[in-house]
């Protein structure tokens, strides 16, 4: 990825967090954290990675709400970042957070089993 795309992605990530948590009033959208924004080299596409607090239903509702608000979000980004053309936005869940949490809970279980085993010796 080129440096300009990286910079635009970083700027979008910052602005996106502000927009999602302050400007959008859709009740379907839960507590959203923007974890990353990857912008294509030609600055035409932006993939926004998010994590959502809540269960699978909450996550789905949030995605639906974001899809509905995409036009508004894009125009807000366009006003805040000086680009000739605002990138098309797609939202995706950041699976790495769930993956990291799963690993952490497994490590915690292993440690607990190890501690229990040592107590019983």
N, C-alpha and C. Protein backbone atom coordinates (compact mmCIF):
# COMPACT_ATOMS: atom_id res chain seq x y z
N UNK A 1 0.85 -1.18 0.00
CA UNK A 1 0.00 0.00 0.00
C UNK A 1 0.90 1.24 0.00
N UNK A 2 0.50 2.25 -0.75
CA UNK A 2 1.35 3.43 -0.80
C UNK A 2 1.15 4.35 0.41
N UNK A 3 2.10 5.25 0.59
CA UNK A 3 2.11 6.11 1.77
C UNK A 3 0.87 7.00 1.82
N UNK A 4 0.47 7.54 0.68
CA UNK A 4 -0.71 8.43 0.65
C UNK A 4 -1.96 7.67 1.09
N UNK A 5 -2.13 6.45 0.57
CA UNK A 5 -3.30 5.65 0.94
C UNK A 5 -3.29 5.36 2.44
N UNK A 6 -2.10 5.10 2.97
CA UNK A 6 -1.97 4.84 4.41
C UNK A 6 -2.37 6.08 5.21
N UNK A 7 -1.90 7.23 4.78
CA UNK A 7 -2.22 8.49 5.47
C UNK A 7 -3.72 8.78 5.42
N UNK A 8 -4.31 8.59 4.24
CA UNK A 8 -5.76 8.82 4.10
C UNK A 8 -6.52 7.84 5.01
N UNK A 9 -6.07 6.59 5.06
CA UNK A 9 -6.69 5.58 5.93
C UNK A 9 -6.65 5.98 7.39
N UNK A 10 -5.48 6.47 7.83
CA UNK A 10 -5.34 6.92 9.22
C UNK A 10 -6.28 8.09 9.53
N UNK A 11 -6.33 9.03 8.60
CA UNK A 11 -7.19 10.21 8.77
C UNK A 11 -8.66 9.77 8.81
N UNK A 12 -9.03 8.86 7.90
CA UNK A 12 -10.41 8.37 7.86
C UNK A 12 -10.77 7.65 9.15
N UNK A 13 -9.83 6.87 9.67
CA UNK A 13 -10.07 6.13 10.91
C UNK A 13 -10.42 7.09 12.05
N UNK A 14 -9.64 8.16 12.15
CA UNK A 14 -9.86 9.16 13.19
C UNK A 14 -11.22 9.83 13.02
N UNK A 15 -11.51 10.28 11.81
CA UNK A 15 -12.78 10.97 11.55
C UNK A 15 -13.97 10.03 11.69
N UNK A 16 -13.80 8.80 11.23
CA UNK A 16 -14.87 7.80 11.26
C UNK A 16 -15.32 7.54 12.70
N UNK A 17 -14.37 7.41 13.61
CA UNK A 17 -14.71 7.20 15.02
C UNK A 17 -15.58 8.32 15.55
N UNK A 18 -15.19 9.53 15.22
CA UNK A 18 -15.94 10.72 15.62
C UNK A 18 -17.36 10.71 15.03
N UNK A 19 -17.45 10.42 13.74
CA UNK A 19 -18.76 10.42 13.05
C UNK A 19 -19.67 9.33 13.62
N UNK A 20 -19.15 8.12 13.75
CA UNK A 20 -19.98 6.99 14.19
C UNK A 20 -20.50 7.18 15.61
N UNK A 21 -19.68 7.75 16.48
CA UNK A 21 -20.10 7.85 17.86
C UNK A 21 -20.78 9.15 18.23
N UNK A 22 -20.73 10.16 17.34
CA UNK A 22 -21.34 11.45 17.69
C UNK A 22 -22.45 11.89 16.75
N UNK A 23 -22.34 11.56 15.48
CA UNK A 23 -23.25 12.12 14.47
C UNK A 23 -24.42 11.22 14.12
N UNK A 24 -24.24 9.91 14.28
CA UNK A 24 -25.27 8.99 13.81
C UNK A 24 -26.20 8.62 14.96
N UNK A 25 -27.49 8.76 14.71
CA UNK A 25 -28.48 8.56 15.77
C UNK A 25 -29.30 7.28 15.57
N UNK A 26 -28.87 6.40 14.65
CA UNK A 26 -29.62 5.17 14.39
C UNK A 26 -29.55 4.26 15.62
N UNK A 27 -30.71 3.90 16.20
CA UNK A 27 -30.71 3.07 17.41
C UNK A 27 -30.15 1.66 17.18
N UNK A 28 -30.11 1.22 15.91
CA UNK A 28 -29.57 -0.11 15.63
C UNK A 28 -28.06 -0.17 15.83
N UNK A 29 -27.43 0.99 15.69
CA UNK A 29 -25.97 1.01 15.77
C UNK A 29 -25.54 1.06 17.23
N UNK A 30 -24.86 0.01 17.63
CA UNK A 30 -24.40 -0.09 19.02
C UNK A 30 -23.10 0.66 19.22
N UNK A 31 -22.36 0.26 20.24
CA UNK A 31 -21.08 0.90 20.52
C UNK A 31 -20.05 0.35 19.55
N UNK A 32 -19.63 1.20 18.61
CA UNK A 32 -18.74 0.78 17.52
C UNK A 32 -17.36 1.36 17.74
N UNK A 33 -16.34 0.53 17.53
CA UNK A 33 -14.97 1.00 17.53
C UNK A 33 -14.39 0.74 16.15
N UNK A 34 -13.81 1.77 15.55
CA UNK A 34 -13.14 1.61 14.25
C UNK A 34 -11.72 1.14 14.56
N UNK A 35 -11.40 -0.09 14.16
CA UNK A 35 -10.08 -0.64 14.47
C UNK A 35 -9.06 -0.37 13.38
N UNK A 36 -9.52 -0.23 12.14
CA UNK A 36 -8.60 0.02 11.04
C UNK A 36 -9.37 0.50 9.81
N UNK A 37 -8.70 1.24 8.95
CA UNK A 37 -9.27 1.62 7.65
C UNK A 37 -8.18 1.36 6.62
N UNK A 38 -8.51 0.52 5.64
CA UNK A 38 -7.55 0.25 4.57
C UNK A 38 -8.07 0.86 3.29
N UNK A 39 -7.28 1.76 2.73
CA UNK A 39 -7.67 2.47 1.52
C UNK A 39 -6.86 1.91 0.35
N UNK A 40 -7.55 1.67 -0.77
CA UNK A 40 -6.87 1.14 -1.95
C UNK A 40 -5.88 2.19 -2.49
N UNK A 41 -4.88 1.73 -3.21
CA UNK A 41 -3.84 2.60 -3.75
C UNK A 41 -4.37 3.75 -4.58
N UNK A 42 -5.48 3.53 -5.29
CA UNK A 42 -6.06 4.60 -6.12
C UNK A 42 -7.05 5.49 -5.33
N UNK A 43 -7.16 5.22 -4.03
CA UNK A 43 -8.03 5.99 -3.12
C UNK A 43 -9.51 5.91 -3.50
N UNK A 44 -9.90 4.85 -4.21
CA UNK A 44 -11.30 4.70 -4.62
C UNK A 44 -12.13 3.89 -3.62
N UNK A 45 -11.47 2.98 -2.90
CA UNK A 45 -12.17 2.08 -1.98
C UNK A 45 -11.58 2.22 -0.58
N UNK A 46 -12.44 2.17 0.43
CA UNK A 46 -11.98 2.17 1.82
C UNK A 46 -12.72 1.06 2.55
N UNK A 47 -11.96 0.14 3.11
CA UNK A 47 -12.53 -0.93 3.91
C UNK A 47 -12.37 -0.53 5.37
N UNK A 48 -13.50 -0.37 6.05
CA UNK A 48 -13.49 0.08 7.44
C UNK A 48 -13.73 -1.14 8.33
N UNK A 49 -12.74 -1.45 9.16
CA UNK A 49 -12.85 -2.57 10.08
C UNK A 49 -13.37 -2.07 11.41
N UNK A 50 -14.42 -2.74 11.90
CA UNK A 50 -15.05 -2.31 13.15
C UNK A 50 -15.18 -3.46 14.13
N UNK A 51 -15.28 -3.10 15.40
CA UNK A 51 -15.68 -4.08 16.41
C UNK A 51 -16.90 -3.48 17.10
N UNK A 52 -17.81 -4.34 17.49
CA UNK A 52 -19.07 -3.90 18.08
C UNK A 52 -19.26 -4.62 19.41
N UNK A 53 -19.61 -3.85 20.41
CA UNK A 53 -19.90 -4.43 21.71
C UNK A 53 -21.26 -5.12 21.63
N UNK A 54 -21.35 -6.37 22.06
CA UNK A 54 -22.65 -7.04 22.07
C UNK A 54 -22.62 -8.39 21.38
N UNK A 55 -23.79 -8.99 21.27
CA UNK A 55 -23.90 -10.33 20.69
C UNK A 55 -24.01 -10.28 19.17
N UNK A 56 -24.21 -11.44 18.56
CA UNK A 56 -24.28 -11.55 17.10
C UNK A 56 -25.41 -10.70 16.52
N UNK A 57 -26.56 -10.67 17.22
CA UNK A 57 -27.70 -9.89 16.74
C UNK A 57 -27.36 -8.39 16.75
N UNK A 58 -26.72 -7.96 17.83
CA UNK A 58 -26.31 -6.55 17.94
C UNK A 58 -25.34 -6.19 16.82
N UNK A 59 -24.44 -7.11 16.51
CA UNK A 59 -23.45 -6.89 15.44
C UNK A 59 -24.15 -6.76 14.09
N UNK A 60 -25.11 -7.66 13.83
CA UNK A 60 -25.85 -7.61 12.56
C UNK A 60 -26.64 -6.31 12.42
N UNK A 61 -27.32 -5.93 13.50
CA UNK A 61 -28.11 -4.69 13.48
C UNK A 61 -27.21 -3.48 13.22
N UNK A 62 -26.05 -3.50 13.83
CA UNK A 62 -25.10 -2.40 13.64
C UNK A 62 -24.68 -2.32 12.17
N UNK A 63 -24.39 -3.48 11.59
CA UNK A 63 -23.98 -3.51 10.19
C UNK A 63 -25.09 -2.98 9.28
N UNK A 64 -26.34 -3.35 9.57
CA UNK A 64 -27.49 -2.86 8.79
C UNK A 64 -27.62 -1.34 8.93
N UNK A 65 -27.48 -0.86 10.15
CA UNK A 65 -27.58 0.57 10.40
C UNK A 65 -26.48 1.34 9.68
N UNK A 66 -25.26 0.78 9.69
CA UNK A 66 -24.13 1.43 9.01
C UNK A 66 -24.34 1.44 7.50
N UNK A 67 -24.88 0.36 6.97
CA UNK A 67 -25.15 0.27 5.53
C UNK A 67 -26.14 1.37 5.14
N UNK A 68 -27.15 1.57 5.98
CA UNK A 68 -28.17 2.59 5.73
C UNK A 68 -27.57 4.01 5.79
N UNK A 69 -26.60 4.19 6.69
CA UNK A 69 -26.02 5.52 6.91
C UNK A 69 -24.79 5.78 6.03
N UNK A 70 -24.45 4.83 5.17
CA UNK A 70 -23.22 4.92 4.39
C UNK A 70 -23.09 6.23 3.60
N UNK A 71 -24.16 6.66 2.97
CA UNK A 71 -24.14 7.91 2.19
C UNK A 71 -23.83 9.11 3.06
N UNK A 72 -24.48 9.17 4.21
CA UNK A 72 -24.25 10.26 5.15
C UNK A 72 -22.80 10.24 5.64
N UNK A 73 -22.32 9.05 6.02
CA UNK A 73 -20.95 8.89 6.52
C UNK A 73 -19.95 9.35 5.46
N UNK A 74 -20.20 8.92 4.23
CA UNK A 74 -19.29 9.26 3.13
C UNK A 74 -19.25 10.77 2.90
N UNK A 75 -20.41 11.42 2.96
CA UNK A 75 -20.43 12.87 2.74
C UNK A 75 -19.74 13.60 3.90
N UNK A 76 -19.90 13.09 5.13
CA UNK A 76 -19.21 13.67 6.29
C UNK A 76 -17.69 13.55 6.11
N UNK A 77 -17.25 12.38 5.68
CA UNK A 77 -15.81 12.15 5.43
C UNK A 77 -15.33 13.11 4.35
N UNK A 78 -16.13 13.26 3.30
CA UNK A 78 -15.79 14.16 2.20
C UNK A 78 -15.60 15.60 2.65
N UNK A 79 -16.42 16.02 3.63
CA UNK A 79 -16.30 17.39 4.14
C UNK A 79 -15.07 17.56 5.02
N UNK A 80 -14.70 16.49 5.72
CA UNK A 80 -13.61 16.58 6.69
C UNK A 80 -12.23 16.34 6.08
N UNK A 81 -12.16 15.53 5.04
CA UNK A 81 -10.88 15.22 4.41
C UNK A 81 -10.88 15.77 2.99
N UNK A 82 -9.87 16.51 2.67
CA UNK A 82 -9.78 17.12 1.34
C UNK A 82 -9.27 16.11 0.31
N UNK A 83 -10.19 15.54 -0.43
CA UNK A 83 -9.85 14.61 -1.51
C UNK A 83 -10.71 14.98 -2.71
N UNK A 84 -10.19 14.69 -3.90
CA UNK A 84 -11.01 14.96 -5.09
C UNK A 84 -12.27 14.10 -5.07
N UNK A 85 -12.09 12.85 -4.70
CA UNK A 85 -13.23 11.93 -4.67
C UNK A 85 -13.16 11.13 -3.37
N UNK A 86 -14.24 11.12 -2.64
CA UNK A 86 -14.28 10.37 -1.39
C UNK A 86 -14.39 8.88 -1.72
N UNK A 87 -13.56 8.05 -1.08
CA UNK A 87 -13.60 6.60 -1.38
C UNK A 87 -14.95 5.97 -1.05
N UNK A 88 -15.29 4.92 -1.81
CA UNK A 88 -16.47 4.09 -1.49
C UNK A 88 -16.14 3.38 -0.18
N UNK A 89 -17.11 3.30 0.71
CA UNK A 89 -16.87 2.70 2.02
C UNK A 89 -17.56 1.36 2.14
N UNK A 90 -16.83 0.37 2.64
CA UNK A 90 -17.45 -0.90 3.02
C UNK A 90 -17.06 -1.18 4.47
N UNK A 91 -17.99 -1.74 5.22
CA UNK A 91 -17.75 -2.06 6.63
C UNK A 91 -17.57 -3.56 6.79
N UNK A 92 -16.59 -3.93 7.60
CA UNK A 92 -16.37 -5.35 7.91
C UNK A 92 -16.02 -5.47 9.38
N UNK A 93 -16.40 -6.62 9.95
CA UNK A 93 -16.04 -6.87 11.35
C UNK A 93 -14.57 -7.22 11.43
N UNK A 94 -13.91 -6.70 12.44
CA UNK A 94 -12.51 -7.02 12.67
C UNK A 94 -12.48 -8.31 13.48
N UNK A 95 -12.24 -9.40 12.78
CA UNK A 95 -12.26 -10.72 13.42
C UNK A 95 -11.05 -10.91 14.34
N UNK A 96 -10.00 -10.13 14.14
CA UNK A 96 -8.79 -10.32 14.93
C UNK A 96 -9.03 -10.07 16.42
N UNK A 97 -10.00 -9.20 16.75
CA UNK A 97 -10.29 -8.93 18.15
C UNK A 97 -10.91 -10.17 18.80
N UNK A 98 -11.90 -10.77 18.11
CA UNK A 98 -12.51 -12.01 18.63
C UNK A 98 -11.46 -13.10 18.76
N UNK A 99 -10.61 -13.18 17.75
CA UNK A 99 -9.55 -14.19 17.73
C UNK A 99 -8.61 -13.98 18.93
N UNK A 100 -8.23 -12.74 19.15
CA UNK A 100 -7.35 -12.41 20.28
C UNK A 100 -8.00 -12.73 21.61
N UNK A 101 -9.30 -12.39 21.75
CA UNK A 101 -10.02 -12.69 22.99
C UNK A 101 -10.10 -14.19 23.23
N UNK A 102 -10.31 -14.95 22.16
CA UNK A 102 -10.39 -16.42 22.26
C UNK A 102 -9.05 -16.98 22.74
N UNK A 103 -7.97 -16.51 22.16
CA UNK A 103 -6.63 -16.97 22.57
C UNK A 103 -6.38 -16.63 24.03
N UNK A 104 -6.77 -15.41 24.42
CA UNK A 104 -6.56 -14.99 25.80
C UNK A 104 -7.33 -15.87 26.78
N UNK A 105 -8.58 -16.21 26.44
CA UNK A 105 -9.36 -17.05 27.35
C UNK A 105 -8.79 -18.47 27.41
N UNK A 106 -8.28 -18.98 26.28
CA UNK A 106 -7.65 -20.30 26.28
C UNK A 106 -6.40 -20.30 27.15
N UNK A 107 -5.58 -19.27 27.03
CA UNK A 107 -4.37 -19.17 27.85
C UNK A 107 -4.74 -19.09 29.33
N UNK A 108 -5.80 -18.36 29.63
CA UNK A 108 -6.26 -18.23 31.01
C UNK A 108 -6.69 -19.60 31.56
N UNK A 109 -7.42 -20.38 30.74
CA UNK A 109 -7.84 -21.74 31.14
C UNK A 109 -6.64 -22.63 31.40
N UNK A 110 -5.68 -22.58 30.51
CA UNK A 110 -4.46 -23.42 30.65
C UNK A 110 -3.74 -23.07 31.94
N UNK A 111 -3.61 -21.78 32.23
CA UNK A 111 -2.93 -21.35 33.45
C UNK A 111 -3.68 -21.85 34.68
N UNK A 112 -5.02 -21.74 34.64
CA UNK A 112 -5.84 -22.17 35.77
C UNK A 112 -5.67 -23.67 35.99
N UNK A 113 -5.72 -24.45 34.90
CA UNK A 113 -5.53 -25.90 35.01
C UNK A 113 -4.15 -26.23 35.56
N UNK A 114 -3.16 -25.51 35.12
CA UNK A 114 -1.79 -25.72 35.58
C UNK A 114 -1.68 -25.41 37.07
N UNK A 115 -2.30 -24.29 37.50
CA UNK A 115 -2.28 -23.92 38.92
C UNK A 115 -3.00 -24.97 39.76
N UNK A 116 -4.17 -25.44 39.27
CA UNK A 116 -4.94 -26.46 39.99
C UNK A 116 -4.13 -27.74 40.10
N UNK A 117 -3.46 -28.11 39.04
CA UNK A 117 -2.66 -29.33 39.00
C UNK A 117 -1.51 -29.25 40.02
N UNK A 118 -0.87 -28.10 40.09
CA UNK A 118 0.26 -27.93 41.04
C UNK A 118 -0.22 -27.97 42.48
N UNK A 119 -1.43 -27.46 42.76
CA UNK A 119 -1.98 -27.49 44.12
C UNK A 119 -2.27 -28.92 44.56
N UNK A 120 -2.65 -29.77 43.63
CA UNK A 120 -3.04 -31.15 43.95
C UNK A 120 -1.84 -32.07 44.12
N UNK A 121 -0.65 -31.60 43.79
CA UNK A 121 0.53 -32.48 43.93
C UNK A 121 1.05 -32.50 45.33
